[in-house]
Amino acid sequence: MLLTRKQQKFVAEYPKDCNGTQAAIRAGYSPRTANEQAAQLLAKLSIREAIDTALKSRAERTKIDADWVVTNFRNLYLEALAAMDYAAAARCLENLGKHVGVFREHNRQKRDYSPEEVAAIRARLEAAGMDFRCVNAPSDFPLQDVPVNRLPTLNRFSAN
């Protein structure tokens, strides 16, 4: 399917920042409706295919692909460790973890756990050396009144 001039311009602009709204504005769509236009354009198969072709062409031209990114994140991680820049090293590890899907399986922040699941997780953590004594909790913190699957998870545990 042939693309209009504006659609061709959108396809050319999109790879610059992968921001549909900004690409639509640069392609000549109204800033007021650019967000909706971008969503509609990106939903069209012919435009999606043209963008994918442009992104693939750029990757081949620049010689940047997923392997290159992972290799360079690894190198940055090692350099950050050598420089004792632990914040940068942690960011590198986080990005590498996202790439390989480390967090997908374990990202269960929005689910409720049954008391049996909580007990099983607690047993595994205790076996690994986690200390569940609330040494940092205020003395009047009502742990016994909090449902077990709704206990606060931040700043509650201290490792020995």
N, C-alpha and C. Protein backbone atom coordinates (compact mmCIF):
# COMPACT_ATOMS: atom_id res chain seq x y z
N MET A 1 0.84 -1.18 0.00
CA MET A 1 0.00 0.00 0.00
C MET A 1 0.88 1.25 0.00
N LEU A 2 0.55 2.19 -0.82
CA LEU A 2 1.32 3.43 -0.91
C LEU A 2 1.01 4.33 0.27
N LEU A 3 2.05 4.99 0.75
CA LEU A 3 1.90 5.91 1.87
C LEU A 3 1.79 7.33 1.35
N THR A 4 1.02 8.15 2.06
CA THR A 4 0.94 9.57 1.71
C THR A 4 2.26 10.24 2.08
N ARG A 5 2.43 11.48 1.63
CA ARG A 5 3.66 12.22 1.97
C ARG A 5 3.82 12.37 3.48
N LYS A 6 2.73 12.71 4.16
CA LYS A 6 2.79 12.88 5.62
C LYS A 6 3.15 11.56 6.29
N GLN A 7 2.57 10.47 5.81
CA GLN A 7 2.88 9.15 6.38
C GLN A 7 4.34 8.80 6.14
N GLN A 8 4.85 9.09 4.95
CA GLN A 8 6.26 8.84 4.66
C GLN A 8 7.16 9.67 5.57
N LYS A 9 6.76 10.91 5.80
CA LYS A 9 7.53 11.78 6.69
C LYS A 9 7.49 11.23 8.12
N PHE A 10 6.32 10.72 8.56
CA PHE A 10 6.20 10.11 9.88
C PHE A 10 7.14 8.92 9.99
N VAL A 11 7.17 8.08 8.96
CA VAL A 11 8.06 6.91 8.95
C VAL A 11 9.51 7.35 9.04
N ALA A 12 9.87 8.44 8.38
CA ALA A 12 11.24 8.95 8.42
C ALA A 12 11.58 9.56 9.78
N GLU A 13 10.61 10.18 10.42
CA GLU A 13 10.84 10.86 11.69
C GLU A 13 10.81 9.93 12.89
N TYR A 14 10.01 8.89 12.85
CA TYR A 14 9.81 8.02 14.00
C TYR A 14 11.12 7.41 14.54
N PRO A 15 12.00 6.89 13.68
CA PRO A 15 13.24 6.28 14.22
C PRO A 15 14.17 7.25 14.95
N LYS A 16 13.99 8.53 14.79
CA LYS A 16 14.88 9.50 15.45
C LYS A 16 14.81 9.39 16.96
N ASP A 17 13.60 9.19 17.51
CA ASP A 17 13.46 9.09 18.96
C ASP A 17 12.42 8.06 19.40
N CYS A 18 11.82 7.37 18.43
CA CYS A 18 10.77 6.36 18.69
C CYS A 18 9.64 6.94 19.53
N ASN A 19 9.36 8.22 19.33
CA ASN A 19 8.26 8.90 20.01
C ASN A 19 7.24 9.26 18.95
N GLY A 20 6.12 8.54 18.95
CA GLY A 20 5.10 8.72 17.93
C GLY A 20 4.53 10.12 17.89
N THR A 21 4.25 10.69 19.04
CA THR A 21 3.66 12.03 19.09
C THR A 21 4.61 13.06 18.48
N GLN A 22 5.87 13.02 18.88
CA GLN A 22 6.84 13.98 18.34
C GLN A 22 7.09 13.75 16.85
N ALA A 23 7.12 12.48 16.43
CA ALA A 23 7.29 12.17 15.01
C ALA A 23 6.11 12.71 14.21
N ALA A 24 4.90 12.61 14.75
CA ALA A 24 3.71 13.12 14.05
C ALA A 24 3.80 14.64 13.92
N ILE A 25 4.22 15.31 14.97
CA ILE A 25 4.36 16.78 14.92
C ILE A 25 5.40 17.16 13.87
N ARG A 26 6.55 16.50 13.89
CA ARG A 26 7.60 16.81 12.91
C ARG A 26 7.17 16.47 11.49
N ALA A 27 6.24 15.51 11.36
CA ALA A 27 5.74 15.12 10.04
C ALA A 27 4.67 16.08 9.53
N GLY A 28 4.23 17.01 10.38
CA GLY A 28 3.28 18.01 9.93
C GLY A 28 1.87 17.85 10.46
N TYR A 29 1.66 16.90 11.36
CA TYR A 29 0.33 16.75 11.97
C TYR A 29 0.17 17.80 13.06
N SER A 30 -1.06 18.15 13.36
CA SER A 30 -1.35 19.16 14.36
C SER A 30 -0.85 18.71 15.73
N PRO A 31 -0.16 19.59 16.46
CA PRO A 31 0.28 19.22 17.81
C PRO A 31 -0.89 18.84 18.73
N ARG A 32 -2.06 19.43 18.47
CA ARG A 32 -3.23 19.15 19.29
C ARG A 32 -3.71 17.71 19.12
N THR A 33 -3.57 17.15 17.93
CA THR A 33 -4.06 15.79 17.68
C THR A 33 -2.93 14.80 17.39
N ALA A 34 -1.70 15.23 17.59
CA ALA A 34 -0.56 14.39 17.21
C ALA A 34 -0.55 13.05 17.93
N ASN A 35 -0.94 13.03 19.19
CA ASN A 35 -0.95 11.78 19.96
C ASN A 35 -1.90 10.76 19.33
N GLU A 36 -3.12 11.21 19.01
CA GLU A 36 -4.10 10.32 18.39
C GLU A 36 -3.66 9.90 17.00
N GLN A 37 -3.12 10.85 16.24
CA GLN A 37 -2.64 10.53 14.89
C GLN A 37 -1.53 9.49 14.95
N ALA A 38 -0.61 9.66 15.90
CA ALA A 38 0.50 8.71 16.02
C ALA A 38 -0.02 7.32 16.34
N ALA A 39 -0.99 7.22 17.25
CA ALA A 39 -1.55 5.92 17.60
C ALA A 39 -2.20 5.27 16.38
N GLN A 40 -2.94 6.06 15.61
CA GLN A 40 -3.58 5.53 14.41
C GLN A 40 -2.56 5.11 13.37
N LEU A 41 -1.53 5.92 13.19
CA LEU A 41 -0.49 5.60 12.21
C LEU A 41 0.26 4.33 12.60
N LEU A 42 0.60 4.22 13.87
CA LEU A 42 1.34 3.04 14.32
C LEU A 42 0.50 1.77 14.28
N ALA A 43 -0.81 1.91 14.25
CA ALA A 43 -1.69 0.75 14.17
C ALA A 43 -1.82 0.22 12.75
N LYS A 44 -1.41 1.01 11.76
CA LYS A 44 -1.52 0.59 10.36
C LYS A 44 -0.34 -0.31 10.01
N LEU A 45 -0.66 -1.47 9.46
CA LEU A 45 0.36 -2.46 9.14
C LEU A 45 1.40 -1.93 8.16
N SER A 46 0.97 -1.22 7.13
CA SER A 46 1.92 -0.72 6.13
C SER A 46 2.91 0.26 6.75
N ILE A 47 2.45 1.09 7.66
CA ILE A 47 3.34 2.05 8.32
C ILE A 47 4.25 1.33 9.29
N ARG A 48 3.72 0.38 10.04
CA ARG A 48 4.53 -0.41 10.98
C ARG A 48 5.65 -1.13 10.24
N GLU A 49 5.30 -1.73 9.08
CA GLU A 49 6.32 -2.44 8.29
C GLU A 49 7.39 -1.48 7.78
N ALA A 50 6.98 -0.30 7.34
CA ALA A 50 7.95 0.70 6.86
C ALA A 50 8.87 1.15 7.99
N ILE A 51 8.31 1.35 9.18
CA ILE A 51 9.13 1.74 10.33
C ILE A 51 10.08 0.62 10.70
N ASP A 52 9.59 -0.62 10.73
CA ASP A 52 10.46 -1.76 11.05
C ASP A 52 11.61 -1.87 10.07
N THR A 53 11.32 -1.63 8.79
CA THR A 53 12.37 -1.66 7.76
C THR A 53 13.38 -0.55 8.01
N ALA A 54 12.90 0.64 8.36
CA ALA A 54 13.81 1.76 8.63
C ALA A 54 14.68 1.48 9.85
N LEU A 55 14.09 0.91 10.90
CA LEU A 55 14.86 0.59 12.11
C LEU A 55 15.89 -0.49 11.83
N LYS A 56 15.51 -1.49 11.04
CA LYS A 56 16.44 -2.56 10.69
C LYS A 56 17.59 -2.01 9.84
N SER A 57 17.26 -1.14 8.91
CA SER A 57 18.28 -0.52 8.07
C SER A 57 19.26 0.29 8.92
N ARG A 58 18.73 1.03 9.89
CA ARG A 58 19.60 1.82 10.77
C ARG A 58 20.51 0.91 11.58
N ALA A 59 19.96 -0.19 12.10
CA ALA A 59 20.76 -1.12 12.89
C ALA A 59 21.89 -1.71 12.05
N GLU A 60 21.60 -2.04 10.80
CA GLU A 60 22.64 -2.58 9.92
C GLU A 60 23.68 -1.52 9.58
N ARG A 61 23.21 -0.30 9.33
CA ARG A 61 24.10 0.79 8.97
C ARG A 61 25.03 1.17 10.12
N THR A 62 24.51 1.21 11.33
CA THR A 62 25.30 1.63 12.47
C THR A 62 26.02 0.46 13.15
N LYS A 63 25.67 -0.74 12.75
CA LYS A 63 26.25 -1.96 13.34
C LYS A 63 25.90 -2.07 14.83
N ILE A 64 24.73 -1.54 15.20
CA ILE A 64 24.28 -1.64 16.58
C ILE A 64 23.09 -2.58 16.62
N ASP A 65 23.24 -3.64 17.38
CA ASP A 65 22.15 -4.58 17.57
C ASP A 65 22.12 -4.98 19.05
N ALA A 66 21.26 -5.90 19.39
CA ALA A 66 21.11 -6.29 20.79
C ALA A 66 22.44 -6.83 21.36
N ASP A 67 23.18 -7.59 20.59
CA ASP A 67 24.46 -8.12 21.07
C ASP A 67 25.44 -6.99 21.38
N TRP A 68 25.46 -5.98 20.51
CA TRP A 68 26.35 -4.85 20.72
C TRP A 68 25.99 -4.13 22.02
N VAL A 69 24.68 -3.91 22.23
CA VAL A 69 24.23 -3.21 23.42
C VAL A 69 24.59 -4.00 24.68
N VAL A 70 24.32 -5.30 24.66
CA VAL A 70 24.62 -6.14 25.82
C VAL A 70 26.12 -6.15 26.11
N THR A 71 26.93 -6.31 25.07
CA THR A 71 28.38 -6.33 25.24
C THR A 71 28.87 -5.01 25.84
N ASN A 72 28.36 -3.91 25.36
CA ASN A 72 28.81 -2.61 25.87
C ASN A 72 28.28 -2.33 27.27
N PHE A 73 27.07 -2.78 27.58
CA PHE A 73 26.60 -2.66 28.97
C PHE A 73 27.48 -3.48 29.89
N ARG A 74 27.89 -4.66 29.43
CA ARG A 74 28.78 -5.50 30.25
C ARG A 74 30.11 -4.77 30.48
N ASN A 75 30.66 -4.21 29.41
CA ASN A 75 31.92 -3.47 29.53
C ASN A 75 31.78 -2.27 30.47
N LEU A 76 30.67 -1.53 30.32
CA LEU A 76 30.43 -0.39 31.21
C LEU A 76 30.31 -0.84 32.66
N TYR A 77 29.64 -1.98 32.87
CA TYR A 77 29.50 -2.54 34.22
C TYR A 77 30.87 -2.82 34.82
N LEU A 78 31.75 -3.48 34.05
CA LEU A 78 33.08 -3.81 34.55
C LEU A 78 33.91 -2.55 34.83
N GLU A 79 33.80 -1.55 33.94
CA GLU A 79 34.50 -0.29 34.16
C GLU A 79 33.97 0.43 35.40
N ALA A 80 32.67 0.41 35.58
CA ALA A 80 32.07 1.07 36.76
C ALA A 80 32.53 0.38 38.04
N LEU A 81 32.59 -0.95 38.02
CA LEU A 81 33.08 -1.67 39.19
C LEU A 81 34.53 -1.32 39.49
N ALA A 82 35.35 -1.27 38.44
CA ALA A 82 36.76 -0.94 38.63
C ALA A 82 36.92 0.46 39.20
N ALA A 83 36.03 1.37 38.80
CA ALA A 83 36.09 2.75 39.29
C ALA A 83 35.34 2.91 40.61
N MET A 84 34.81 1.81 41.13
CA MET A 84 34.02 1.79 42.37
C MET A 84 32.80 2.71 42.28
N ASP A 85 32.26 2.83 41.08
CA ASP A 85 31.02 3.59 40.85
C ASP A 85 29.88 2.58 40.89
N TYR A 86 29.47 2.26 42.09
CA TYR A 86 28.50 1.18 42.28
C TYR A 86 27.11 1.55 41.77
N ALA A 87 26.77 2.83 41.76
CA ALA A 87 25.47 3.24 41.23
C ALA A 87 25.41 2.97 39.73
N ALA A 88 26.47 3.32 39.02
CA ALA A 88 26.51 3.07 37.58
C ALA A 88 26.53 1.57 37.30
N ALA A 89 27.28 0.83 38.09
CA ALA A 89 27.33 -0.63 37.91
C ALA A 89 25.94 -1.24 38.12
N ALA A 90 25.22 -0.76 39.12
CA ALA A 90 23.87 -1.27 39.38
C ALA A 90 22.93 -0.95 38.23
N ARG A 91 23.06 0.25 37.66
CA ARG A 91 22.21 0.61 36.51
C ARG A 91 22.51 -0.28 35.33
N CYS A 92 23.77 -0.58 35.10
CA CYS A 92 24.14 -1.49 34.00
C CYS A 92 23.55 -2.87 34.22
N LEU A 93 23.67 -3.38 35.44
CA LEU A 93 23.10 -4.69 35.74
C LEU A 93 21.59 -4.69 35.57
N GLU A 94 20.95 -3.63 36.01
CA GLU A 94 19.49 -3.55 35.87
C GLU A 94 19.09 -3.60 34.40
N ASN A 95 19.78 -2.84 33.57
CA ASN A 95 19.45 -2.84 32.14
C ASN A 95 19.75 -4.18 31.49
N LEU A 96 20.85 -4.81 31.88
CA LEU A 96 21.14 -6.14 31.36
C LEU A 96 20.08 -7.13 31.81
N GLY A 97 19.66 -7.03 33.06
CA GLY A 97 18.61 -7.91 33.57
C GLY A 97 17.31 -7.74 32.83
N LYS A 98 16.96 -6.50 32.52
CA LYS A 98 15.74 -6.24 31.74
C LYS A 98 15.85 -6.88 30.37
N HIS A 99 17.01 -6.77 29.75
CA HIS A 99 17.20 -7.32 28.41
C HIS A 99 17.01 -8.84 28.38
N VAL A 100 17.56 -9.51 29.36
CA VAL A 100 17.47 -10.98 29.35
C VAL A 100 16.22 -11.49 30.06
N GLY A 101 15.37 -10.58 30.56
CA GLY A 101 14.09 -10.98 31.13
C GLY A 101 14.15 -11.49 32.55
N VAL A 102 15.17 -11.11 33.28
CA VAL A 102 15.33 -11.58 34.66
C VAL A 102 14.15 -11.16 35.53
N PHE A 103 13.62 -9.97 35.31
CA PHE A 103 12.62 -9.43 36.21
C PHE A 103 11.19 -9.82 35.85
N ARG A 104 10.96 -10.29 34.64
CA ARG A 104 9.60 -10.64 34.24
C ARG A 104 9.01 -11.72 35.12
N GLU A 105 9.76 -12.79 35.34
CA GLU A 105 9.26 -13.92 36.11
C GLU A 105 9.02 -13.57 37.57
N HIS A 106 9.85 -12.71 38.11
CA HIS A 106 9.79 -12.42 39.54
C HIS A 106 9.05 -11.12 39.87
N ASN A 107 8.50 -10.46 38.88
CA ASN A 107 7.82 -9.19 39.12
C ASN A 107 6.36 -9.48 39.47
N ARG A 108 6.11 -9.67 40.75
CA ARG A 108 4.76 -9.99 41.21
C ARG A 108 4.29 -8.97 42.24
N GLN A 109 4.57 -7.71 41.98
CA GLN A 109 4.29 -6.67 42.97
C GLN A 109 2.81 -6.42 43.17
N LYS A 110 1.99 -6.73 42.20
CA LYS A 110 0.59 -6.37 42.30
C LYS A 110 -0.31 -7.56 42.58
N ARG A 111 0.21 -8.59 43.17
CA ARG A 111 -0.64 -9.73 43.46
C ARG A 111 -0.70 -9.96 44.95
N ASP A 112 -1.77 -10.57 45.39
CA ASP A 112 -1.91 -10.94 46.79
C ASP A 112 -1.37 -12.35 46.97
N TYR A 113 -0.69 -12.56 48.06
CA TYR A 113 -0.16 -13.87 48.39
C TYR A 113 -1.05 -14.53 49.44
N SER A 114 -1.27 -15.81 49.28
CA SER A 114 -2.02 -16.54 50.30
C SER A 114 -1.11 -16.73 51.51
N PRO A 115 -1.68 -17.00 52.67
CA PRO A 115 -0.84 -17.24 53.85
C PRO A 115 0.12 -18.41 53.64
N GLU A 116 -0.28 -19.40 52.87
CA GLU A 116 0.60 -20.54 52.59
C GLU A 116 1.79 -20.11 51.74
N GLU A 117 1.53 -19.24 50.75
CA GLU A 117 2.63 -18.75 49.90
C GLU A 117 3.59 -17.90 50.72
N VAL A 118 3.04 -17.06 51.59
CA VAL A 118 3.89 -16.21 52.44
C VAL A 118 4.76 -17.09 53.33
N ALA A 119 4.16 -18.13 53.91
CA ALA A 119 4.92 -19.03 54.78
C ALA A 119 6.03 -19.73 54.00
N ALA A 120 5.74 -20.16 52.78
CA ALA A 120 6.75 -20.84 51.97
C ALA A 120 7.89 -19.89 51.60
N ILE A 121 7.54 -18.67 51.22
CA ILE A 121 8.57 -17.68 50.87
C ILE A 121 9.41 -17.35 52.10
N ARG A 122 8.74 -17.17 53.23
CA ARG A 122 9.46 -16.85 54.47
C ARG A 122 10.41 -17.99 54.84
N ALA A 123 9.96 -19.24 54.70
CA ALA A 123 10.81 -20.38 55.03
C ALA A 123 12.05 -20.41 54.13
N ARG A 124 11.86 -20.12 52.84
CA ARG A 124 13.01 -20.10 51.92
C ARG A 124 13.98 -18.98 52.30
N LEU A 125 13.44 -17.81 52.63
CA LEU A 125 14.31 -16.69 52.99
C LEU A 125 15.03 -16.94 54.32
N GLU A 126 14.33 -17.52 55.28
CA GLU A 126 14.98 -17.85 56.55
C GLU A 126 16.08 -18.87 56.35
N ALA A 127 15.84 -19.86 55.46
CA ALA A 127 16.86 -20.86 55.16
C ALA A 127 18.09 -20.22 54.52
N ALA A 128 17.86 -19.11 53.82
CA ALA A 128 18.96 -18.40 53.18
C ALA A 128 19.63 -17.40 54.12
N GLY A 129 19.14 -17.30 55.36
CA GLY A 129 19.78 -16.43 56.34
C GLY A 129 19.07 -15.12 56.60
N MET A 130 17.88 -14.91 56.08
CA MET A 130 17.15 -13.67 56.30
C MET A 130 16.62 -13.64 57.73
N ASP A 131 16.78 -12.49 58.38
CA ASP A 131 16.33 -12.31 59.75
C ASP A 131 15.00 -11.57 59.73
N PHE A 132 13.96 -12.19 60.24
CA PHE A 132 12.63 -11.59 60.20
C PHE A 132 12.26 -10.86 61.49
N ARG A 133 13.19 -10.70 62.39
CA ARG A 133 12.89 -9.90 63.57
C ARG A 133 12.77 -8.45 63.15
N CYS A 134 11.78 -7.76 63.62
CA CYS A 134 11.53 -6.37 63.24
C CYS A 134 12.34 -5.44 64.12
N VAL A 135 13.65 -5.45 63.94
CA VAL A 135 14.52 -4.66 64.80
C VAL A 135 14.37 -3.16 64.54
N ASN A 136 13.94 -2.78 63.35
CA ASN A 136 13.80 -1.36 63.04
C ASN A 136 12.37 -0.86 63.18
N ALA A 137 11.45 -1.74 63.51
CA ALA A 137 10.04 -1.33 63.63
C ALA A 137 9.83 -0.63 64.96
N PRO A 138 8.96 0.39 64.98
CA PRO A 138 8.64 1.03 66.25
C PRO A 138 8.02 0.02 67.20
N SER A 139 8.21 0.24 68.48
CA SER A 139 7.72 -0.72 69.47
C SER A 139 6.21 -0.86 69.44
N ASP A 140 5.50 0.17 68.99
CA ASP A 140 4.05 0.09 68.95
C ASP A 140 3.53 -0.33 67.57
N PHE A 141 4.41 -0.84 66.69
CA PHE A 141 4.00 -1.28 65.36
C PHE A 141 3.15 -2.54 65.48
N PRO A 142 1.90 -2.49 65.03
CA PRO A 142 0.96 -3.59 65.29
C PRO A 142 1.09 -4.73 64.29
N LEU A 143 2.19 -5.48 64.33
CA LEU A 143 2.37 -6.59 63.39
C LEU A 143 1.27 -7.63 63.49
N GLN A 144 0.80 -7.90 64.70
CA GLN A 144 -0.20 -8.94 64.85
C GLN A 144 -1.55 -8.54 64.24
N ASP A 145 -1.79 -7.23 64.04
CA ASP A 145 -3.07 -6.77 63.49
C ASP A 145 -3.06 -6.65 61.98
N VAL A 146 -1.89 -6.80 61.35
CA VAL A 146 -1.79 -6.64 59.91
C VAL A 146 -1.98 -8.00 59.24
N PRO A 147 -2.89 -8.10 58.25
CA PRO A 147 -3.04 -9.38 57.55
C PRO A 147 -1.71 -9.80 56.95
N VAL A 148 -1.40 -11.07 56.98
CA VAL A 148 -0.08 -11.56 56.60
C VAL A 148 0.23 -11.28 55.13
N ASN A 149 -0.77 -11.21 54.25
CA ASN A 149 -0.47 -10.94 52.85
C ASN A 149 -0.44 -9.45 52.56
N ARG A 150 -0.55 -8.60 53.56
CA ARG A 150 -0.49 -7.16 53.39
C ARG A 150 0.60 -6.52 54.22
N LEU A 151 1.54 -7.30 54.73
CA LEU A 151 2.62 -6.74 55.53
C LEU A 151 3.47 -5.83 54.67
N PRO A 152 3.93 -4.72 55.21
CA PRO A 152 4.84 -3.86 54.43
C PRO A 152 6.11 -4.62 54.10
N THR A 153 6.64 -4.39 52.91
CA THR A 153 7.80 -5.16 52.50
C THR A 153 9.08 -4.35 52.53
N LEU A 154 9.02 -3.04 52.57
CA LEU A 154 10.23 -2.23 52.53
C LEU A 154 10.72 -1.95 53.94
N ASN A 155 12.02 -1.99 54.13
CA ASN A 155 12.66 -1.63 55.40
C ASN A 155 12.18 -2.47 56.58
N ARG A 156 11.76 -3.69 56.32
CA ARG A 156 11.31 -4.55 57.43
C ARG A 156 12.34 -5.60 57.77
N PHE A 157 13.17 -5.94 56.85
CA PHE A 157 14.06 -7.08 57.07
C PHE A 157 15.49 -6.60 57.19
N SER A 158 16.20 -7.22 58.06
CA SER A 158 17.63 -6.91 58.15
C SER A 158 18.39 -8.21 58.07
N ALA A 159 19.42 -8.22 57.27
CA ALA A 159 20.23 -9.44 57.12
C ALA A 159 21.36 -9.42 58.14
N ASN A 160 21.66 -10.56 58.68
CA ASN A 160 22.79 -10.67 59.64
C ASN A 160 24.01 -11.17 58.93
